[in-house]
PDB file of N, CA and C in Angstrom:
ATOM      1  N   UNK A   1      -4.450   7.765   5.079  1.00  0.00           N
ATOM      2  CA  UNK A   1      -4.290   6.922   6.294  1.00  0.00           C
ATOM      3  C   UNK A   1      -5.310   7.386   7.317  1.00  0.00           C
ATOM      4  N   UNK A   2      -5.974   8.460   7.106  1.00  0.00           N
ATOM      5  CA  UNK A   2      -6.976   8.985   8.046  1.00  0.00           C
ATOM      6  C   UNK A   2      -8.231   8.212   7.928  1.00  0.00           C
ATOM      7  N   UNK A   3      -8.557   7.482   6.848  1.00  0.00           N
ATOM      8  CA  UNK A   3      -9.744   6.689   6.691  1.00  0.00           C
ATOM      9  C   UNK A   3      -9.621   5.303   7.042  1.00  0.00           C
ATOM     10  N   UNK A   4      -8.516   4.897   7.515  1.00  0.00           N
ATOM     11  CA  UNK A   4      -8.479   3.431   7.765  1.00  0.00           C
ATOM     12  C   UNK A   4      -9.167   2.991   9.017  1.00  0.00           C
ATOM     13  N   UNK A   5      -9.329   3.640  10.129  1.00  0.00           N
ATOM     14  CA  UNK A   5     -10.164   3.322  11.121  1.00  0.00           C
ATOM     15  C   UNK A   5     -11.641   3.134  10.744  1.00  0.00           C
ATOM     16  N   UNK A   6     -12.019   3.858   9.713  1.00  0.00           N
ATOM     17  CA  UNK A   6     -13.513   3.776   9.300  1.00  0.00           C
ATOM     18  C   UNK A   6     -13.757   2.912   8.267  1.00  0.00           C
ATOM     19  N   UNK A   7     -12.772   1.981   7.843  1.00  0.00           N
ATOM     20  CA  UNK A   7     -12.970   1.101   6.721  1.00  0.00           C
ATOM     21  C   UNK A   7     -13.914  -0.026   7.129  1.00  0.00           C
ATOM     22  N   UNK A   8     -14.892  -0.383   6.289  1.00  0.00           N
ATOM     23  CA  UNK A   8     -15.848  -1.427   6.686  1.00  0.00           C
ATOM     24  C   UNK A   8     -15.322  -2.785   6.517  1.00  0.00           C
ATOM     25  N   UNK A   9     -14.497  -3.157   5.522  1.00  0.00           N
ATOM     26  CA  UNK A   9     -13.988  -4.451   5.336  1.00  0.00           C
ATOM     27  C   UNK A   9     -13.025  -4.794   6.499  1.00  0.00           C
ATOM     28  N   UNK A  10     -13.107  -5.911   7.250  1.00  0.00           N
ATOM     29  CA  UNK A  10     -12.108  -6.177   8.347  1.00  0.00           C
ATOM     30  C   UNK A  10     -10.678  -6.378   7.794  1.00  0.00           C
ATOM     31  N   UNK A  11     -10.512  -6.867   6.571  1.00  0.00           N
ATOM     32  CA  UNK A  11      -9.387  -6.983   5.986  1.00  0.00           C
ATOM     33  C   UNK A  11      -8.690  -5.804   5.465  1.00  0.00           C
ATOM     34  N   UNK A  12      -9.499  -4.742   5.027  1.00  0.00           N
ATOM     35  CA  UNK A  12      -9.084  -3.528   4.390  1.00  0.00           C
ATOM     36  C   UNK A  12      -8.046  -2.738   5.070  1.00  0.00           C
ATOM     37  N   UNK A  13      -8.442  -2.457   6.399  1.00  0.00           N
ATOM     38  CA  UNK A  13      -7.377  -1.678   7.191  1.00  0.00           C
ATOM     39  C   UNK A  13      -6.017  -2.282   7.382  1.00  0.00           C
ATOM     40  N   UNK A  14      -5.907  -3.478   7.715  1.00  0.00           N
ATOM     41  CA  UNK A  14      -4.570  -4.029   7.940  1.00  0.00           C
ATOM     42  C   UNK A  14      -3.818  -4.230   6.578  1.00  0.00           C
ATOM     43  N   UNK A  15      -4.635  -4.478   5.408  1.00  0.00           N
ATOM     44  CA  UNK A  15      -3.875  -4.597   4.209  1.00  0.00           C
ATOM     45  C   UNK A  15      -3.381  -3.260   3.728  1.00  0.00           C
ATOM     46  N   UNK A  16      -4.262  -2.138   3.919  1.00  0.00           N
ATOM     47  CA  UNK A  16      -3.831  -0.901   3.455  1.00  0.00           C
ATOM     48  C   UNK A  16      -2.774  -0.490   4.274  1.00  0.00           C
ATOM     49  N   UNK A  17      -2.746  -0.697   5.662  1.00  0.00           N
ATOM     50  CA  UNK A  17      -1.609  -0.203   6.437  1.00  0.00           C
ATOM     51  C   UNK A  17      -0.403  -0.985   6.182  1.00  0.00           C
ATOM     52  N   UNK A  18      -0.442  -2.182   5.613  1.00  0.00           N
ATOM     53  CA  UNK A  18       0.764  -2.923   5.158  1.00  0.00           C
ATOM     54  C   UNK A  18       1.381  -2.260   4.007  1.00  0.00           C
ATOM     55  N   UNK A  19       0.408  -1.906   2.990  1.00  0.00           N
ATOM     56  CA  UNK A  19       1.004  -1.166   1.829  1.00  0.00           C
ATOM     57  C   UNK A  19       1.648   0.114   2.292  1.00  0.00           C
ATOM     58  N   UNK A  20       1.034   0.797   3.033  1.00  0.00           N
ATOM     59  CA  UNK A  20       1.688   2.130   3.689  1.00  0.00           C
ATOM     60  C   UNK A  20       3.103   1.919   4.251  1.00  0.00           C
ATOM     61  N   UNK A  21       2.966   0.932   5.155  1.00  0.00           N
ATOM     62  CA  UNK A  21       4.309   0.663   5.744  1.00  0.00           C
ATOM     63  C   UNK A  21       5.364   0.116   4.875  1.00  0.00           C
ATOM     64  N   UNK A  22       5.050  -0.600   3.907  1.00  0.00           N
ATOM     65  CA  UNK A  22       6.105  -1.116   2.762  1.00  0.00           C
ATOM     66  C   UNK A  22       6.565   0.090   2.024  1.00  0.00           C
ATOM     67  N   UNK A  23       5.647   1.103   1.642  1.00  0.00           N
ATOM     68  CA  UNK A  23       6.036   2.169   0.907  1.00  0.00           C
ATOM     69  C   UNK A  23       6.992   3.018   1.835  1.00  0.00           C
ATOM     70  N   UNK A  24       6.628   3.292   3.114  1.00  0.00           N
ATOM     71  CA  UNK A  24       7.539   4.018   3.804  1.00  0.00           C
ATOM     72  C   UNK A  24       8.808   3.409   4.000  1.00  0.00           C
ATOM     73  N   UNK A  25       8.948   2.076   4.218  1.00  0.00           N
ATOM     74  CA  UNK A  25      10.132   1.357   4.473  1.00  0.00           C
ATOM     75  C   UNK A  25      11.175   1.330   3.110  1.00  0.00           C
ATOM     76  N   UNK A  26      10.449   1.393   2.036  1.00  0.00           N
ATOM     77  CA  UNK A  26      11.276   1.448   0.772  1.00  0.00           C
ATOM     78  C   UNK A  26      11.865   2.754   0.620  1.00  0.00           C
ATOM     79  N   UNK A  27      11.155   3.810   1.098  1.00  0.00           N
ATOM     80  CA  UNK A  27      11.545   5.280   0.933  1.00  0.00           C
ATOM     81  C   UNK A  27      12.714   5.337   1.949  1.00  0.00           C
ATOM     82  N   UNK A  28      12.563   4.980   3.161  1.00  0.00           N
ATOM     83  CA  UNK A  28      13.627   5.099   4.161  1.00  0.00           C
ATOM     84  C   UNK A  28      14.739   4.249   3.855  1.00  0.00           C
ATOM     85  N   UNK A  29      14.674   3.056   3.328  1.00  0.00           N
ATOM     86  CA  UNK A  29      15.857   2.256   3.071  1.00  0.00           C
ATOM     87  C   UNK A  29      16.661   2.948   1.926  1.00  0.00           C
ATOM     88  N   UNK A  30      16.000   3.424   0.906  1.00  0.00           N
ATOM     89  CA  UNK A  30      16.630   4.182  -0.259  1.00  0.00           C
ATOM     90  C   UNK A  30      17.248   5.382   0.162  1.00  0.00           C
ATOM     91  N   UNK A  31      16.670   6.098   1.084  1.00  0.00           N
ATOM     92  CA  UNK A  31      17.333   7.373   1.547  1.00  0.00           C
ATOM     93  C   UNK A  31      18.592   7.064   2.319  1.00  0.00           C
ATOM     94  N   UNK A  32      18.355   6.065   3.189  1.00  0.00           N
ATOM     95  CA  UNK A  32      19.731   5.690   4.044  1.00  0.00           C
ATOM     96  C   UNK A  32      20.717   5.274   3.038  1.00  0.00           C
ATOM     97  N   UNK A  33      20.516   4.550   1.998  1.00  0.00           N
ATOM     98  CA  UNK A  33      21.529   4.164   1.018  1.00  0.00           C
ATOM     99  C   UNK A  33      22.166   5.420   0.237  1.00  0.00           C
ATOM    100  N   UNK A  34      21.215   6.295  -0.025  1.00  0.00           N
ATOM    101  CA  UNK A  34      21.816   7.458  -0.829  1.00  0.00           C
ATOM    102  C   UNK A  34      22.640   8.260   0.162  1.00  0.00           C
ATOM    103  N   UNK A  35      22.335   8.352   1.338  1.00  0.00           N
ATOM    104  CA  UNK A  35      23.097   9.173   2.193  1.00  0.00           C
ATOM    105  C   UNK A  35      24.391   8.322   2.851  1.00  0.00           C
ATOM    106  N   UNK A  36      24.534   7.052   2.555  1.00  0.00           N
ATOM    107  CA  UNK A  36      25.677   6.305   2.917  1.00  0.00           C
ATOM    108  C   UNK A  36      25.485   5.840   4.250  1.00  0.00           C
ATOM    109  N   UNK A  37      24.303   5.589   4.887  1.00  0.00           N
ATOM    110  CA  UNK A  37      24.091   5.134   6.235  1.00  0.00           C
ATOM    111  C   UNK A  37      23.843   3.605   6.142  1.00  0.00           C
ATOM    112  N   UNK A  38      23.521   3.094   5.017  1.00  0.00           N
ATOM    113  CA  UNK A  38      23.140   1.687   4.797  1.00  0.00           C
ATOM    114  C   UNK A  38      23.932   1.324   3.407  1.00  0.00           C
ATOM    115  N   UNK A  39      24.229  -0.044   3.548  1.00  0.00           N
ATOM    116  CA  UNK A  39      24.903  -0.685   2.284  1.00  0.00           C
ATOM    117  C   UNK A  39      23.808  -0.640   1.076  1.00  0.00           C
ATOM    118  N   UNK A  40      24.333  -0.563  -0.035  1.00  0.00           N
ATOM    119  CA  UNK A  40      23.577  -0.399  -1.279  1.00  0.00           C
ATOM    120  C   UNK A  40      23.078  -1.879  -1.510  1.00  0.00           C
ATOM    121  N   UNK A  41      21.815  -2.121  -1.350  1.00  0.00           N
ATOM    122  CA  UNK A  41      21.160  -3.363  -1.554  1.00  0.00           C
ATOM    123  C   UNK A  41      20.270  -3.483  -2.876  1.00  0.00           C
ATOM    124  N   UNK A  42      19.940  -2.397  -3.429  1.00  0.00           N
ATOM    125  CA  UNK A  42      19.251  -2.536  -4.733  1.00  0.00           C
ATOM    126  C   UNK A  42      17.670  -2.220  -4.555  1.00  0.00           C
ATOM    127  N   UNK A  43      17.342  -1.454  -3.572  1.00  0.00           N
ATOM    128  CA  UNK A  43      15.865  -1.155  -3.292  1.00  0.00           C
ATOM    129  C   UNK A  43      15.750   0.218  -4.062  1.00  0.00           C
ATOM    130  N   UNK A  44      14.856   0.186  -5.194  1.00  0.00           N
ATOM    131  CA  UNK A  44      14.752   1.477  -5.809  1.00  0.00           C
ATOM    132  C   UNK A  44      13.689   2.275  -5.144  1.00  0.00           C
ATOM    133  N   UNK A  45      13.743   3.586  -5.387  1.00  0.00           N
ATOM    134  CA  UNK A  45      12.836   4.555  -4.729  1.00  0.00           C
ATOM    135  C   UNK A  45      11.595   4.557  -5.357  1.00  0.00           C
ATOM    136  N   UNK A  46      10.488   4.233  -4.708  1.00  0.00           N
ATOM    137  CA  UNK A  46       9.259   3.936  -5.112  1.00  0.00           C
ATOM    138  C   UNK A  46       8.690   5.369  -5.990  1.00  0.00           C
ATOM    139  N   UNK A  47       8.070   5.130  -7.086  1.00  0.00           N
ATOM    140  CA  UNK A  47       7.394   6.207  -7.969  1.00  0.00           C
ATOM    141  C   UNK A  47       8.512   7.186  -8.567  1.00  0.00           C
ATOM    142  N   UNK A  48       9.904   6.902  -8.426  1.00  0.00           N
ATOM    143  CA  UNK A  48      10.871   7.736  -8.962  1.00  0.00           C
ATOM    144  C   UNK A  48      11.708   6.886  -9.814  1.00  0.00           C
ATOM    145  N   UNK A  49      12.209   5.693  -9.355  1.00  0.00           N
ATOM    146  CA  UNK A  49      12.993   4.822 -10.087  1.00  0.00           C
ATOM    147  C   UNK A  49      12.306   4.007 -10.902  1.00  0.00           C
ATOM    148  N   UNK A  50      13.013   3.454 -12.019  1.00  0.00           N
ATOM    149  CA  UNK A  50      12.323   2.561 -12.767  1.00  0.00           C
ATOM    150  C   UNK A  50      12.744   1.051 -12.558  1.00  0.00           C
ATOM    151  N   UNK A  51      12.338   0.557 -11.337  1.00  0.00           N
ATOM    152  CA  UNK A  51      12.524  -0.725 -10.982  1.00  0.00           C
ATOM    153  C   UNK A  51      11.174  -1.419 -11.336  1.00  0.00           C
ATOM    154  N   UNK A  52      11.192  -2.373 -12.327  1.00  0.00           N
ATOM    155  CA  UNK A  52       9.878  -2.902 -12.875  1.00  0.00           C
ATOM    156  C   UNK A  52       9.069  -3.565 -11.801  1.00  0.00           C
ATOM    157  N   UNK A  53       9.556  -4.443 -11.052  1.00  0.00           N
ATOM    158  CA  UNK A  53       8.796  -5.226 -10.127  1.00  0.00           C
ATOM    159  C   UNK A  53       8.274  -4.316  -9.092  1.00  0.00           C
ATOM    160  N   UNK A  54       9.117  -3.400  -8.526  1.00  0.00           N
ATOM    161  CA  UNK A  54       8.715  -2.533  -7.424  1.00  0.00           C
ATOM    162  C   UNK A  54       7.573  -1.544  -8.002  1.00  0.00           C
ATOM    163  N   UNK A  55       7.715  -0.977  -9.175  1.00  0.00           N
ATOM    164  CA  UNK A  55       6.771  -0.139  -9.641  1.00  0.00           C
ATOM    165  C   UNK A  55       5.208  -0.872  -9.805  1.00  0.00           C
ATOM    166  N   UNK A  56       5.437  -2.050 -10.272  1.00  0.00           N
ATOM    167  CA  UNK A  56       4.171  -2.770 -10.384  1.00  0.00           C
ATOM    168  C   UNK A  56       3.464  -3.203  -9.076  1.00  0.00           C
ATOM    169  N   UNK A  57       4.412  -3.553  -8.145  1.00  0.00           N
ATOM    170  CA  UNK A  57       3.983  -3.863  -6.752  1.00  0.00           C
ATOM    171  C   UNK A  57       3.265  -2.497  -6.029  1.00  0.00           C
ATOM    172  N   UNK A  58       3.923  -1.552  -6.235  1.00  0.00           N
ATOM    173  CA  UNK A  58       3.419  -0.303  -5.643  1.00  0.00           C
ATOM    174  C   UNK A  58       2.061   0.137  -6.222  1.00  0.00           C
ATOM    175  N   UNK A  59       1.915  -0.075  -7.654  1.00  0.00           N
ATOM    176  CA  UNK A  59       0.712   0.272  -8.115  1.00  0.00           C
ATOM    177  C   UNK A  59      -0.451  -0.461  -7.764  1.00  0.00           C
ATOM    178  N   UNK A  60      -0.145  -1.878  -7.605  1.00  0.00           N
ATOM    179  CA  UNK A  60      -1.021  -2.741  -7.114  1.00  0.00           C
ATOM    180  C   UNK A  60      -1.468  -2.389  -5.584  1.00  0.00           C
ATOM    181  N   UNK A  61      -0.477  -1.962  -4.826  1.00  0.00           N
ATOM    182  CA  UNK A  61      -0.607  -1.716  -3.441  1.00  0.00           C
ATOM    183  C   UNK A  61      -1.538  -0.386  -3.343  1.00  0.00           C
ATOM    184  N   UNK A  62      -1.273   0.648  -4.137  1.00  0.00           N
ATOM    185  CA  UNK A  62      -2.016   1.900  -4.088  1.00  0.00           C
ATOM    186  C   UNK A  62      -3.450   1.571  -4.576  1.00  0.00           C
ATOM    187  N   UNK A  63      -3.686   0.652  -5.617  1.00  0.00           N
ATOM    188  CA  UNK A  63      -4.999   0.374  -6.088  1.00  0.00           C
ATOM    189  C   UNK A  63      -5.746  -0.285  -4.828  1.00  0.00           C
ATOM    190  N   UNK A  64      -5.196  -1.057  -4.083  1.00  0.00           N
ATOM    191  CA  UNK A  64      -5.630  -1.778  -2.955  1.00  0.00           C
ATOM    192  C   UNK A  64      -6.039  -0.745  -1.916  1.00  0.00           C
ATOM    193  N   UNK A  65      -5.238   0.399  -1.572  1.00  0.00           N
ATOM    194  CA  UNK A  65      -5.560   1.349  -0.739  1.00  0.00           C
ATOM    195  C   UNK A  65      -6.766   2.100  -1.244  1.00  0.00           C
ATOM    196  N   UNK A  66      -6.756   2.578  -2.470  1.00  0.00           N
ATOM    197  CA  UNK A  66      -7.873   3.221  -3.021  1.00  0.00           C
ATOM    198  C   UNK A  66      -9.166   2.356  -3.042  1.00  0.00           C
ATOM    199  N   UNK A  67      -9.132   1.073  -3.105  1.00  0.00           N
ATOM    200  CA  UNK A  67     -10.334   0.208  -3.040  1.00  0.00           C
ATOM    201  C   UNK A  67     -10.721   0.196  -1.715  1.00  0.00           C
ATOM    202  N   UNK A  68      -9.895   0.273  -0.641  1.00  0.00           N
ATOM    203  CA  UNK A  68     -10.475   0.198   0.624  1.00  0.00           C
ATOM    204  C   UNK A  68     -11.165   1.601   1.032  1.00  0.00           C
ATOM    205  N   UNK A  69     -10.655   2.595   0.406  1.00  0.00           N
ATOM    206  CA  UNK A  69     -11.214   3.940   0.628  1.00  0.00           C
ATOM    207  C   UNK A  69     -12.684   3.968  -0.053  1.00  0.00           C
ATOM    208  N   UNK A  70     -12.721   3.404  -1.305  1.00  0.00           N
ATOM    209  CA  UNK A  70     -14.048   3.546  -1.933  1.00  0.00           C
ATOM    210  C   UNK A  70     -15.057   2.532  -1.381  1.00  0.00           C
ATOM    211  N   UNK A  71     -14.619   1.381  -0.794  1.00  0.00           N
ATOM    212  CA  UNK A  71     -15.550   0.484  -0.112  1.00  0.00           C
ATOM    213  C   UNK A  71     -15.691   0.701   1.400  1.00  0.00           C
ATOM    214  N   UNK A  72     -15.330   1.875   1.890  1.00  0.00           N
ATOM    215  CA  UNK A  72     -15.273   1.919   3.347  1.00  0.00           C
ATOM    216  C   UNK A  72     -16.637   1.958   4.102  1.00  0.00           C
ATOM    217  N   UNK A  73     -17.703   2.311   3.281  1.00  0.00           N
ATOM    218  CA  UNK A  73     -18.937   2.333   3.943  1.00  0.00           C
ATOM    219  C   UNK A  73     -19.849   1.067   3.289  1.00  0.00           C
ATOM    220  N   UNK A  74     -19.378   0.343   2.514  1.00  0.00           N
ATOM    221  CA  UNK A  74     -20.079  -0.760   1.930  1.00  0.00           C
ATOM    222  C   UNK A  74     -20.076  -2.006   2.834  1.00  0.00           C
ATOM    223  N   UNK A  75     -21.397  -2.443   2.975  1.00  0.00           N
ATOM    224  CA  UNK A  75     -21.701  -3.606   3.907  1.00  0.00           C
ATOM    225  C   UNK A  75     -22.056  -4.695   2.963  1.00  0.00           C
ATOM    226  N   UNK A  76     -21.520  -5.856   3.341  1.00  0.00           N
ATOM    227  CA  UNK A  76     -21.748  -7.136   2.579  1.00  0.00           C
ATOM    228  C   UNK A  76     -23.085  -7.733   3.022  1.00  0.00           C
ATOM    229  N   UNK A  77     -24.066  -7.849   2.167  1.00  0.00           N
ATOM    230  CA  UNK A  77     -25.384  -8.506   2.465  1.00  0.00           C
ATOM    231  C   UNK A  77     -25.117 -10.074   2.184  1.00  0.00           C
ATOM    232  N   UNK A  78     -25.424 -10.764   3.167  1.00  0.00           N
ATOM    233  CA  UNK A  78     -25.424 -12.425   2.909  1.00  0.00           C
ATOM    234  C   UNK A  78     -26.390 -12.837   1.930  1.00  0.00           C
ATOM    235  N   UNK A  79     -26.098 -13.485   1.041  1.00  0.00           N
ATOM    236  CA  UNK A  79     -27.027 -14.057   0.103  1.00  0.00           C
ATOM    237  C   UNK A  79     -27.690 -13.092  -0.945  1.00  0.00           C
ATOM    238  N   UNK A  80     -27.367 -12.026  -0.956  1.00  0.00           N
ATOM    239  CA  UNK A  80     -27.778 -10.944  -1.801  1.00  0.00           C
ATOM    240  C   UNK A  80     -27.187 -10.766  -3.180  1.00  0.00           C
ATOM    241  N   UNK A  81     -25.910 -11.311  -3.266  1.00  0.00           N
ATOM    242  CA  UNK A  81     -25.022 -11.130  -4.454  1.00  0.00           C
ATOM    243  C   UNK A  81     -24.493  -9.815  -4.451  1.00  0.00           C
ATOM    244  N   UNK A  82     -24.104  -9.240  -3.509  1.00  0.00           N
ATOM    245  CA  UNK A  82     -23.485  -7.761  -3.337  1.00  0.00           C
ATOM    246  C   UNK A  82     -22.144  -7.908  -3.985  1.00  0.00           C
ATOM    247  N   UNK A  83     -21.976  -6.971  -4.862  1.00  0.00           N
ATOM    248  CA  UNK A  83     -20.661  -6.834  -5.512  1.00  0.00           C
ATOM    249  C   UNK A  83     -19.670  -5.878  -4.723  1.00  0.00           C
ATOM    250  N   UNK A  84     -18.381  -6.406  -4.415  1.00  0.00           N
ATOM    251  CA  UNK A  84     -17.420  -5.678  -3.726  1.00  0.00           C
ATOM    252  C   UNK A  84     -16.235  -5.403  -4.622  1.00  0.00           C
TER     253      UNK A  84
END
């Protein structure tokens, strides 16, 4: 999360922030369900539970965050065929 302000793509920082917030909300909701503070709704714990869709979604989200980090200093050149 420390490299988000320095990310070059304008869509990168909000997208990576959204993935981080989604991950944090899943952890908080699952923790509240385990402690009995919230009703059980079926949100699995990311990276620990075997929820197929959530696992794939989190992997794609983390790949997006890593992509933002890799391309943080990349600039798009117009008409040059730059690969991002």
